[in-house]
Amino acid sequence: VFHGRILARRVVGQETRYEVEVTARYRQRFPLVSREYLWVPNTCGCPALSEGGEYLLMARRHVNHEHTLNRILLQDGGYARPWTPREARLVREAARHC
């Protein structure tokens, strides 16, 4: 779970790749650097992420069996909401209990 600002968007085949500036990390099961690529299937029911927009994102690390693909994936049904101080507070509180 992290707070990120969308820097760029590019459609690649059946997916959309977002370049994201990672602003804050709330729940971290894998390391994140200050800039990451976030991949979203074009069939995802997630809200459209706008360039320049700030979002609270819950994504997972996806590594294929051959270990040739290692990326951050926002799955269908994943959590992507516009960032607000209230959302950030709720996530921080939840992270303390999980």
PDB file of N, CA and C in Angstrom:
ATOM      1  N   VAL A   1       0.866  -1.171   0.000  1.00  0.00           N
ATOM      2  CA  VAL A   1       0.000   0.000   0.000  1.00  0.00           C
ATOM      3  C   VAL A   1       0.903   1.221   0.000  1.00  0.00           C
ATOM      4  N   PHE A   2       0.654   2.111  -0.936  1.00  0.00           N
ATOM      5  CA  PHE A   2       1.500   3.309  -1.003  1.00  0.00           C
ATOM      6  C   PHE A   2       0.747   4.486  -1.606  1.00  0.00           C
ATOM      7  N   HIS A   3       1.277   5.677  -1.365  1.00  0.00           N
ATOM      8  CA  HIS A   3       0.768   6.920  -1.923  1.00  0.00           C
ATOM      9  C   HIS A   3       1.688   7.265  -3.086  1.00  0.00           C
ATOM     10  N   GLY A   4       1.099   7.470  -4.250  1.00  0.00           N
ATOM     11  CA  GLY A   4       1.915   7.778  -5.412  1.00  0.00           C
ATOM     12  C   GLY A   4       1.294   8.841  -6.296  1.00  0.00           C
ATOM     13  N   ARG A   5       2.165   9.527  -7.015  1.00  0.00           N
ATOM     14  CA  ARG A   5       1.727  10.538  -7.989  1.00  0.00           C
ATOM     15  C   ARG A   5       2.019  10.003  -9.376  1.00  0.00           C
ATOM     16  N   ILE A   6       1.034  10.031 -10.255  1.00  0.00           N
ATOM     17  CA  ILE A   6       1.180   9.513 -11.616  1.00  0.00           C
ATOM     18  C   ILE A   6       1.959  10.522 -12.459  1.00  0.00           C
ATOM     19  N   LEU A   7       3.085  10.073 -12.990  1.00  0.00           N
ATOM     20  CA  LEU A   7       3.932  10.948 -13.806  1.00  0.00           C
ATOM     21  C   LEU A   7       3.652  10.776 -15.296  1.00  0.00           C
ATOM     22  N   ALA A   8       3.377   9.546 -15.715  1.00  0.00           N
ATOM     23  CA  ALA A   8       3.148   9.285 -17.141  1.00  0.00           C
ATOM     24  C   ALA A   8       2.309   8.016 -17.282  1.00  0.00           C
ATOM     25  N   ARG A   9       1.671   7.900 -18.450  1.00  0.00           N
ATOM     26  CA  ARG A   9       0.808   6.757 -18.747  1.00  0.00           C
ATOM     27  C   ARG A   9       1.102   6.296 -20.161  1.00  0.00           C
ATOM     28  N   ARG A  10       1.182   4.968 -20.343  1.00  0.00           N
ATOM     29  CA  ARG A  10       1.446   4.424 -21.677  1.00  0.00           C
ATOM     30  C   ARG A  10       0.724   3.084 -21.823  1.00  0.00           C
ATOM     31  N   VAL A  11      -0.035   2.927 -22.897  1.00  0.00           N
ATOM     32  CA  VAL A  11      -0.711   1.667 -23.174  1.00  0.00           C
ATOM     33  C   VAL A  11       0.277   0.744 -23.874  1.00  0.00           C
ATOM     34  N   VAL A  12       0.427  -0.479 -23.335  1.00  0.00           N
ATOM     35  CA  VAL A  12       1.346  -1.476 -23.882  1.00  0.00           C
ATOM     36  C   VAL A  12       0.540  -2.760 -24.062  1.00  0.00           C
ATOM     37  N   GLY A  13       0.124  -3.038 -25.290  1.00  0.00           N
ATOM     38  CA  GLY A  13      -0.671  -4.229 -25.547  1.00  0.00           C
ATOM     39  C   GLY A  13      -1.986  -4.186 -24.799  1.00  0.00           C
ATOM     40  N   GLN A  14      -2.236  -5.196 -23.973  1.00  0.00           N
ATOM     41  CA  GLN A  14      -3.479  -5.299 -23.213  1.00  0.00           C
ATOM     42  C   GLN A  14      -3.371  -4.680 -21.810  1.00  0.00           C
ATOM     43  N   GLU A  15      -2.316  -3.927 -21.566  1.00  0.00           N
ATOM     44  CA  GLU A  15      -2.100  -3.335 -20.254  1.00  0.00           C
ATOM     45  C   GLU A  15      -1.756  -1.857 -20.380  1.00  0.00           C
ATOM     46  N   THR A  16      -1.888  -1.159 -19.263  1.00  0.00           N
ATOM     47  CA  THR A  16      -1.456   0.231 -19.173  1.00  0.00           C
ATOM     48  C   THR A  16      -0.340   0.301 -18.147  1.00  0.00           C
ATOM     49  N   ARG A  17       0.745   0.978 -18.535  1.00  0.00           N
ATOM     50  CA  ARG A  17       1.888   1.142 -17.636  1.00  0.00           C
ATOM     51  C   ARG A  17       1.918   2.591 -17.166  1.00  0.00           C
ATOM     52  N   TYR A  18       1.900   2.757 -15.859  1.00  0.00           N
ATOM     53  CA  TYR A  18       1.982   4.083 -15.260  1.00  0.00           C
ATOM     54  C   TYR A  18       3.346   4.250 -14.610  1.00  0.00           C
ATOM     55  N   GLU A  19       3.976   5.387 -14.872  1.00  0.00           N
ATOM     56  CA  GLU A  19       5.191   5.731 -14.139  1.00  0.00           C
ATOM     57  C   GLU A  19       4.735   6.487 -12.899  1.00  0.00           C
ATOM     58  N   VAL A  20       5.133   5.999 -11.726  1.00  0.00           N
ATOM     59  CA  VAL A  20       4.624   6.526 -10.465  1.00  0.00           C
ATOM     60  C   VAL A  20       5.770   7.004  -9.588  1.00  0.00           C
ATOM     61  N   GLU A  21       5.612   8.196  -9.030  1.00  0.00           N
ATOM     62  CA  GLU A  21       6.526   8.680  -7.999  1.00  0.00           C
ATOM     63  C   GLU A  21       5.956   8.221  -6.661  1.00  0.00           C
ATOM     64  N   VAL A  22       6.689   7.385  -5.962  1.00  0.00           N
ATOM     65  CA  VAL A  22       6.238   6.857  -4.677  1.00  0.00           C
ATOM     66  C   VAL A  22       6.495   7.927  -3.614  1.00  0.00           C
ATOM     67  N   THR A  23       5.414   8.423  -3.025  1.00  0.00           N
ATOM     68  CA  THR A  23       5.503   9.502  -2.045  1.00  0.00           C
ATOM     69  C   THR A  23       5.601   8.976  -0.626  1.00  0.00           C
ATOM     70  N   ALA A  24       4.797   7.960  -0.301  1.00  0.00           N
ATOM     71  CA  ALA A  24       4.807   7.374   1.047  1.00  0.00           C
ATOM     72  C   ALA A  24       4.472   5.894   0.945  1.00  0.00           C
ATOM     73  N   ARG A  25       5.051   5.123   1.842  1.00  0.00           N
ATOM     74  CA  ARG A  25       4.786   3.679   1.906  1.00  0.00           C
ATOM     75  C   ARG A  25       4.069   3.405   3.218  1.00  0.00           C
ATOM     76  N   TYR A  26       2.942   2.705   3.138  1.00  0.00           N
ATOM     77  CA  TYR A  26       2.166   2.428   4.349  1.00  0.00           C
ATOM     78  C   TYR A  26       2.317   0.984   4.807  1.00  0.00           C
ATOM     79  N   ARG A  27       2.157   0.081   3.915  1.00  0.00           N
ATOM     80  CA  ARG A  27       2.261  -1.344   4.217  1.00  0.00           C
ATOM     81  C   ARG A  27       3.164  -1.914   3.152  1.00  0.00           C
ATOM     82  N   GLN A  28       4.331  -2.397   3.531  1.00  0.00           N
ATOM     83  CA  GLN A  28       5.324  -2.768   2.538  1.00  0.00           C
ATOM     84  C   GLN A  28       5.749  -4.216   2.713  1.00  0.00           C
ATOM     85  N   ARG A  29       5.320  -5.064   1.792  1.00  0.00           N
ATOM     86  CA  ARG A  29       5.742  -6.464   1.802  1.00  0.00           C
ATOM     87  C   ARG A  29       6.898  -6.692   0.839  1.00  0.00           C
ATOM     88  N   PHE A  30       7.162  -5.725  -0.019  1.00  0.00           N
ATOM     89  CA  PHE A  30       8.292  -5.782  -0.931  1.00  0.00           C
ATOM     90  C   PHE A  30       8.845  -4.370  -1.059  1.00  0.00           C
ATOM     91  N   PRO A  31      10.148  -4.248  -1.340  1.00  0.00           N
ATOM     92  CA  PRO A  31      10.746  -2.908  -1.391  1.00  0.00           C
ATOM     93  C   PRO A  31      10.247  -2.095  -2.581  1.00  0.00           C
ATOM     94  N   LEU A  32      10.070  -0.820  -2.350  1.00  0.00           N
ATOM     95  CA  LEU A  32       9.699   0.132  -3.398  1.00  0.00           C
ATOM     96  C   LEU A  32      10.779   1.195  -3.467  1.00  0.00           C
ATOM     97  N   VAL A  33      11.065   1.654  -4.663  1.00  0.00           N
ATOM     98  CA  VAL A  33      11.997   2.766  -4.835  1.00  0.00           C
ATOM     99  C   VAL A  33      11.181   4.025  -5.101  1.00  0.00           C
ATOM    100  N   SER A  34      11.838   5.159  -5.235  1.00  0.00           N
ATOM    101  CA  SER A  34      11.114   6.426  -5.364  1.00  0.00           C
ATOM    102  C   SER A  34      10.326   6.535  -6.666  1.00  0.00           C
ATOM    103  N   ARG A  35      10.742   5.810  -7.698  1.00  0.00           N
ATOM    104  CA  ARG A  35       9.978   5.772  -8.957  1.00  0.00           C
ATOM    105  C   ARG A  35       9.777   4.321  -9.354  1.00  0.00           C
ATOM    106  N   GLU A  36       8.537   3.990  -9.655  1.00  0.00           N
ATOM    107  CA  GLU A  36       8.182   2.623 -10.026  1.00  0.00           C
ATOM    108  C   GLU A  36       7.269   2.655 -11.242  1.00  0.00           C
ATOM    109  N   TYR A  37       7.175   1.513 -11.903  1.00  0.00           N
ATOM    110  CA  TYR A  37       6.158   1.327 -12.937  1.00  0.00           C
ATOM    111  C   TYR A  37       5.054   0.488 -12.340  1.00  0.00           C
ATOM    112  N   LEU A  38       3.834   0.931 -12.513  1.00  0.00           N
ATOM    113  CA  LEU A  38       2.655   0.222 -12.048  1.00  0.00           C
ATOM    114  C   LEU A  38       1.900  -0.263 -13.287  1.00  0.00           C
ATOM    115  N   TRP A  39       1.651  -1.561 -13.351  1.00  0.00           N
ATOM    116  CA  TRP A  39       0.964  -2.156 -14.497  1.00  0.00           C
ATOM    117  C   TRP A  39      -0.486  -2.442 -14.132  1.00  0.00           C
ATOM    118  N   VAL A  40      -1.394  -2.114 -15.061  1.00  0.00           N
ATOM    119  CA  VAL A  40      -2.823  -2.314 -14.845  1.00  0.00           C
ATOM    120  C   VAL A  40      -3.404  -2.980 -16.082  1.00  0.00           C
ATOM    121  N   PRO A  41      -4.097  -4.128 -15.922  1.00  0.00           N
ATOM    122  CA  PRO A  41      -4.755  -4.734 -17.087  1.00  0.00           C
ATOM    123  C   PRO A  41      -5.817  -3.779 -17.613  1.00  0.00           C
ATOM    124  N   ASN A  42      -5.946  -3.678 -18.930  1.00  0.00           N
ATOM    125  CA  ASN A  42      -6.937  -2.775 -19.508  1.00  0.00           C
ATOM    126  C   ASN A  42      -8.356  -3.225 -19.206  1.00  0.00           C
ATOM    127  N   THR A  43      -8.519  -4.446 -18.729  1.00  0.00           N
ATOM    128  CA  THR A  43      -9.843  -4.938 -18.355  1.00  0.00           C
ATOM    129  C   THR A  43     -10.154  -4.662 -16.893  1.00  0.00           C
ATOM    130  N   CYS A  44      -9.230  -4.034 -16.189  1.00  0.00           N
ATOM    131  CA  CYS A  44      -9.386  -3.765 -14.764  1.00  0.00           C
ATOM    132  C   CYS A  44     -10.570  -2.829 -14.522  1.00  0.00           C
ATOM    133  N   GLY A  45     -11.328  -3.119 -13.489  1.00  0.00           N
ATOM    134  CA  GLY A  45     -12.434  -2.259 -13.113  1.00  0.00           C
ATOM    135  C   GLY A  45     -11.991  -1.088 -12.255  1.00  0.00           C
ATOM    136  N   CYS A  46     -10.692  -0.866 -12.189  1.00  0.00           N
ATOM    137  CA  CYS A  46     -10.132   0.208 -11.361  1.00  0.00           C
ATOM    138  C   CYS A  46     -10.468   1.567 -11.975  1.00  0.00           C
ATOM    139  N   PRO A  47     -10.497   2.597 -11.152  1.00  0.00           N
ATOM    140  CA  PRO A  47     -10.708   3.929 -11.718  1.00  0.00           C
ATOM    141  C   PRO A  47      -9.519   4.323 -12.591  1.00  0.00           C
ATOM    142  N   ALA A  48      -9.788   5.108 -13.600  1.00  0.00           N
ATOM    143  CA  ALA A  48      -8.700   5.606 -14.459  1.00  0.00           C
ATOM    144  C   ALA A  48      -7.783   6.500 -13.631  1.00  0.00           C
ATOM    145  N   LEU A  49      -6.488   6.310 -13.784  1.00  0.00           N
ATOM    146  CA  LEU A  49      -5.506   7.110 -13.058  1.00  0.00           C
ATOM    147  C   LEU A  49      -5.043   8.233 -13.979  1.00  0.00           C
ATOM    148  N   SER A  50      -5.159   9.461 -13.523  1.00  0.00           N
ATOM    149  CA  SER A  50      -4.827  10.629 -14.332  1.00  0.00           C
ATOM    150  C   SER A  50      -3.392  11.071 -14.088  1.00  0.00           C
ATOM    151  N   GLU A  51      -2.718  11.478 -15.169  1.00  0.00           N
ATOM    152  CA  GLU A  51      -1.365  12.012 -15.020  1.00  0.00           C
ATOM    153  C   GLU A  51      -1.412  13.234 -14.118  1.00  0.00           C
ATOM    154  N   GLY A  52      -0.498  13.300 -13.175  1.00  0.00           N
ATOM    155  CA  GLY A  52      -0.451  14.397 -12.214  1.00  0.00           C
ATOM    156  C   GLY A  52      -1.304  14.138 -10.982  1.00  0.00           C
ATOM    157  N   GLY A  53      -2.175  13.139 -11.033  1.00  0.00           N
ATOM    158  CA  GLY A  53      -3.038  12.819  -9.901  1.00  0.00           C
ATOM    159  C   GLY A  53      -2.296  12.051  -8.823  1.00  0.00           C
ATOM    160  N   GLU A  54      -2.764  12.182  -7.597  1.00  0.00           N
ATOM    161  CA  GLU A  54      -2.184  11.458  -6.473  1.00  0.00           C
ATOM    162  C   GLU A  54      -3.199  10.441  -5.981  1.00  0.00           C
ATOM    163  N   TYR A  55      -2.702   9.209  -5.730  1.00  0.00           N
ATOM    164  CA  TYR A  55      -3.585   8.106  -5.393  1.00  0.00           C
ATOM    165  C   TYR A  55      -3.016   7.290  -4.245  1.00  0.00           C
ATOM    166  N   LEU A  56      -3.921   6.639  -3.559  1.00  0.00           N
ATOM    167  CA  LEU A  56      -3.582   5.626  -2.583  1.00  0.00           C
ATOM    168  C   LEU A  56      -3.779   4.302  -3.306  1.00  0.00           C
ATOM    169  N   LEU A  57      -2.715   3.496  -3.418  1.00  0.00           N
ATOM    170  CA  LEU A  57      -2.727   2.297  -4.249  1.00  0.00           C
ATOM    171  C   LEU A  57      -2.349   1.059  -3.442  1.00  0.00           C
ATOM    172  N   MET A  58      -3.083  -0.004  -3.661  1.00  0.00           N
ATOM    173  CA  MET A  58      -2.731  -1.284  -3.057  1.00  0.00           C
ATOM    174  C   MET A  58      -2.447  -2.232  -4.212  1.00  0.00           C
ATOM    175  N   ALA A  59      -1.190  -2.545  -4.398  1.00  0.00           N
ATOM    176  CA  ALA A  59      -0.752  -3.363  -5.519  1.00  0.00           C
ATOM    177  C   ALA A  59       0.035  -4.549  -4.987  1.00  0.00           C
ATOM    178  N   ARG A  60       0.354  -5.472  -5.886  1.00  0.00           N
ATOM    179  CA  ARG A  60       1.154  -6.626  -5.481  1.00  0.00           C
ATOM    180  C   ARG A  60       2.310  -6.801  -6.451  1.00  0.00           C
ATOM    181  N   ARG A  61       3.353  -7.416  -5.951  1.00  0.00           N
ATOM    182  CA  ARG A  61       4.511  -7.728  -6.779  1.00  0.00           C
ATOM    183  C   ARG A  61       4.169  -8.968  -7.589  1.00  0.00           C
ATOM    184  N   HIS A  62       4.376  -8.931  -8.884  1.00  0.00           N
ATOM    185  CA  HIS A  62       4.100 -10.074  -9.752  1.00  0.00           C
ATOM    186  C   HIS A  62       5.412 -10.542 -10.375  1.00  0.00           C
ATOM    187  N   VAL A  63       5.781 -11.790 -10.096  1.00  0.00           N
ATOM    188  CA  VAL A  63       6.980 -12.396 -10.662  1.00  0.00           C
ATOM    189  C   VAL A  63       6.532 -13.670 -11.366  1.00  0.00           C
ATOM    190  N   ASN A  64       6.915 -13.831 -12.642  1.00  0.00           N
ATOM    191  CA  ASN A  64       6.507 -15.043 -13.356  1.00  0.00           C
ATOM    192  C   ASN A  64       7.381 -16.231 -12.950  1.00  0.00           C
ATOM    193  N   HIS A  65       6.992 -17.414 -13.408  1.00  0.00           N
ATOM    194  CA  HIS A  65       7.696 -18.641 -13.003  1.00  0.00           C
ATOM    195  C   HIS A  65       9.161 -18.658 -13.451  1.00  0.00           C
ATOM    196  N   GLU A  66       9.461 -18.023 -14.571  1.00  0.00           N
ATOM    197  CA  GLU A  66      10.834 -18.005 -15.077  1.00  0.00           C
ATOM    198  C   GLU A  66      11.680 -16.910 -14.431  1.00  0.00           C
ATOM    199  N   HIS A  67      11.050 -16.089 -13.601  1.00  0.00           N
ATOM    200  CA  HIS A  67      11.710 -14.944 -12.951  1.00  0.00           C
ATOM    201  C   HIS A  67      12.280 -13.954 -13.964  1.00  0.00           C
ATOM    202  N   THR A  68      11.626 -13.871 -15.136  1.00  0.00           N
ATOM    203  CA  THR A  68      12.044 -12.898 -16.138  1.00  0.00           C
ATOM    204  C   THR A  68      11.162 -11.655 -16.094  1.00  0.00           C
ATOM    205  N   LEU A  69      10.078 -11.723 -15.345  1.00  0.00           N
ATOM    206  CA  LEU A  69       9.140 -10.616 -15.238  1.00  0.00           C
ATOM    207  C   LEU A  69       8.946 -10.312 -13.757  1.00  0.00           C
ATOM    208  N   ASN A  70       9.248  -9.103 -13.357  1.00  0.00           N
ATOM    209  CA  ASN A  70       9.138  -8.696 -11.966  1.00  0.00           C
ATOM    210  C   ASN A  70       8.591  -7.279 -11.977  1.00  0.00           C
ATOM    211  N   ARG A  71       7.319  -7.152 -11.636  1.00  0.00           N
ATOM    212  CA  ARG A  71       6.713  -5.831 -11.707  1.00  0.00           C
ATOM    213  C   ARG A  71       5.607  -5.668 -10.678  1.00  0.00           C
ATOM    214  N   ILE A  72       5.156  -4.431 -10.527  1.00  0.00           N
ATOM    215  CA  ILE A  72       4.078  -4.110  -9.602  1.00  0.00           C
ATOM    216  C   ILE A  72       2.785  -4.099 -10.400  1.00  0.00           C
ATOM    217  N   LEU A  73       1.797  -4.845  -9.906  1.00  0.00           N
ATOM    218  CA  LEU A  73       0.546  -5.037 -10.626  1.00  0.00           C
ATOM    219  C   LEU A  73      -0.624  -4.579  -9.771  1.00  0.00           C
ATOM    220  N   LEU A  74      -1.476  -3.753 -10.357  1.00  0.00           N
ATOM    221  CA  LEU A  74      -2.732  -3.368  -9.733  1.00  0.00           C
ATOM    222  C   LEU A  74      -3.792  -4.263 -10.345  1.00  0.00           C
ATOM    223  N   GLN A  75      -4.247  -5.229  -9.591  1.00  0.00           N
ATOM    224  CA  GLN A  75      -5.160  -6.229 -10.104  1.00  0.00           C
ATOM    225  C   GLN A  75      -6.579  -5.702 -10.234  1.00  0.00           C
ATOM    226  N   ASP A  76      -7.383  -6.436 -11.010  1.00  0.00           N
ATOM    227  CA  ASP A  76      -8.798  -6.149 -11.092  1.00  0.00           C
ATOM    228  C   ASP A  76      -9.357  -6.256  -9.680  1.00  0.00           C
ATOM    229  N   GLY A  77     -10.092  -5.286  -9.261  1.00  0.00           N
ATOM    230  CA  GLY A  77     -10.602  -5.273  -7.896  1.00  0.00           C
ATOM    231  C   GLY A  77      -9.600  -4.731  -6.900  1.00  0.00           C
ATOM    232  N   GLY A  78      -8.444  -4.271  -7.388  1.00  0.00           N
ATOM    233  CA  GLY A  78      -7.436  -3.690  -6.504  1.00  0.00           C
ATOM    234  C   GLY A  78      -7.898  -2.345  -5.964  1.00  0.00           C
ATOM    235  N   TYR A  79      -7.141  -1.816  -5.046  1.00  0.00           N
ATOM    236  CA  TYR A  79      -7.495  -0.579  -4.362  1.00  0.00           C
ATOM    237  C   TYR A  79      -6.756   0.577  -5.014  1.00  0.00           C
ATOM    238  N   ALA A  80      -7.498   1.507  -5.574  1.00  0.00           N
ATOM    239  CA  ALA A  80      -6.925   2.716  -6.162  1.00  0.00           C
ATOM    240  C   ALA A  80      -7.911   3.847  -5.918  1.00  0.00           C
ATOM    241  N   ARG A  81      -7.563   4.712  -4.993  1.00  0.00           N
ATOM    242  CA  ARG A  81      -8.449   5.828  -4.667  1.00  0.00           C
ATOM    243  C   ARG A  81      -7.663   7.120  -4.714  1.00  0.00           C
ATOM    244  N   PRO A  82      -8.325   8.210  -5.074  1.00  0.00           N
ATOM    245  CA  PRO A  82      -7.629   9.498  -5.002  1.00  0.00           C
ATOM    246  C   PRO A  82      -7.123   9.732  -3.585  1.00  0.00           C
ATOM    247  N   TRP A  83      -5.888  10.227  -3.481  1.00  0.00           N
ATOM    248  CA  TRP A  83      -5.283  10.454  -2.180  1.00  0.00           C
ATOM    249  C   TRP A  83      -5.919  11.660  -1.519  1.00  0.00           C
ATOM    250  N   THR A  84      -6.243  11.506  -0.264  1.00  0.00           N
ATOM    251  CA  THR A  84      -6.695  12.611   0.583  1.00  0.00           C
ATOM    252  C   THR A  84      -6.048  12.397   1.948  1.00  0.00           C
ATOM    253  N   PRO A  85      -5.917  13.437   2.740  1.00  0.00           N
ATOM    254  CA  PRO A  85      -5.374  13.247   4.088  1.00  0.00           C
ATOM    255  C   PRO A  85      -6.203  12.243   4.894  1.00  0.00           C
ATOM    256  N   ARG A  86      -7.514  12.230   4.691  1.00  0.00           N
ATOM    257  CA  ARG A  86      -8.379  11.290   5.410  1.00  0.00           C
ATOM    258  C   ARG A  86      -8.049   9.847   5.023  1.00  0.00           C
ATOM    259  N   GLU A  87      -7.923   9.572   3.716  1.00  0.00           N
ATOM    260  CA  GLU A  87      -7.571   8.223   3.260  1.00  0.00           C
ATOM    261  C   GLU A  87      -6.225   7.798   3.851  1.00  0.00           C
ATOM    262  N   ALA A  88      -5.265   8.702   3.842  1.00  0.00           N
ATOM    263  CA  ALA A  88      -3.939   8.393   4.376  1.00  0.00           C
ATOM    264  C   ALA A  88      -4.031   8.048   5.865  1.00  0.00           C
ATOM    265  N   ARG A  89      -4.824   8.798   6.619  1.00  0.00           N
ATOM    266  CA  ARG A  89      -4.990   8.527   8.049  1.00  0.00           C
ATOM    267  C   ARG A  89      -5.624   7.161   8.273  1.00  0.00           C
ATOM    268  N   LEU A  90      -6.649   6.821   7.495  1.00  0.00           N
ATOM    269  CA  LEU A  90      -7.314   5.532   7.648  1.00  0.00           C
ATOM    270  C   LEU A  90      -6.362   4.373   7.351  1.00  0.00           C
ATOM    271  N   VAL A  91      -5.535   4.527   6.327  1.00  0.00           N
ATOM    272  CA  VAL A  91      -4.587   3.465   5.975  1.00  0.00           C
ATOM    273  C   VAL A  91      -3.510   3.323   7.038  1.00  0.00           C
ATOM    274  N   ARG A  92      -3.000   4.437   7.554  1.00  0.00           N
ATOM    275  CA  ARG A  92      -1.994   4.376   8.625  1.00  0.00           C
ATOM    276  C   ARG A  92      -2.558   3.655   9.850  1.00  0.00           C
ATOM    277  N   GLU A  93      -3.812   3.971  10.205  1.00  0.00           N
ATOM    278  CA  GLU A  93      -4.449   3.320  11.355  1.00  0.00           C
ATOM    279  C   GLU A  93      -4.621   1.825  11.098  1.00  0.00           C
ATOM    280  N   ALA A  94      -5.059   1.463   9.914  1.00  0.00           N
ATOM    281  CA  ALA A  94      -5.260   0.052   9.571  1.00  0.00           C
ATOM    282  C   ALA A  94      -3.924  -0.700   9.565  1.00  0.00           C
ATOM    283  N   ALA A  95      -2.870  -0.064   9.084  1.00  0.00           N
ATOM    284  CA  ALA A  95      -1.551  -0.719   9.010  1.00  0.00           C
ATOM    285  C   ALA A  95      -1.024  -1.058  10.406  1.00  0.00           C
ATOM    286  N   ARG A  96      -1.379  -0.253  11.387  1.00  0.00           N
ATOM    287  CA  ARG A  96      -0.938  -0.530  12.755  1.00  0.00           C
ATOM    288  C   ARG A  96      -1.584  -1.802  13.312  1.00  0.00           C
ATOM    289  N   HIS A  97      -2.779  -2.124  12.835  1.00  0.00           N
ATOM    290  CA  HIS A  97      -3.519  -3.276  13.346  1.00  0.00           C
ATOM    291  C   HIS A  97      -3.285  -4.550  12.536  1.00  0.00           C
ATOM    292  N   CYS A  98      -2.715  -4.429  11.356  1.00  0.00           N
ATOM    293  CA  CYS A  98      -2.523  -5.597  10.482  1.00  0.00           C
ATOM    294  C   CYS A  98      -1.118  -6.145  10.584  1.00  0.00           C
TER     295      CYS A  98
END
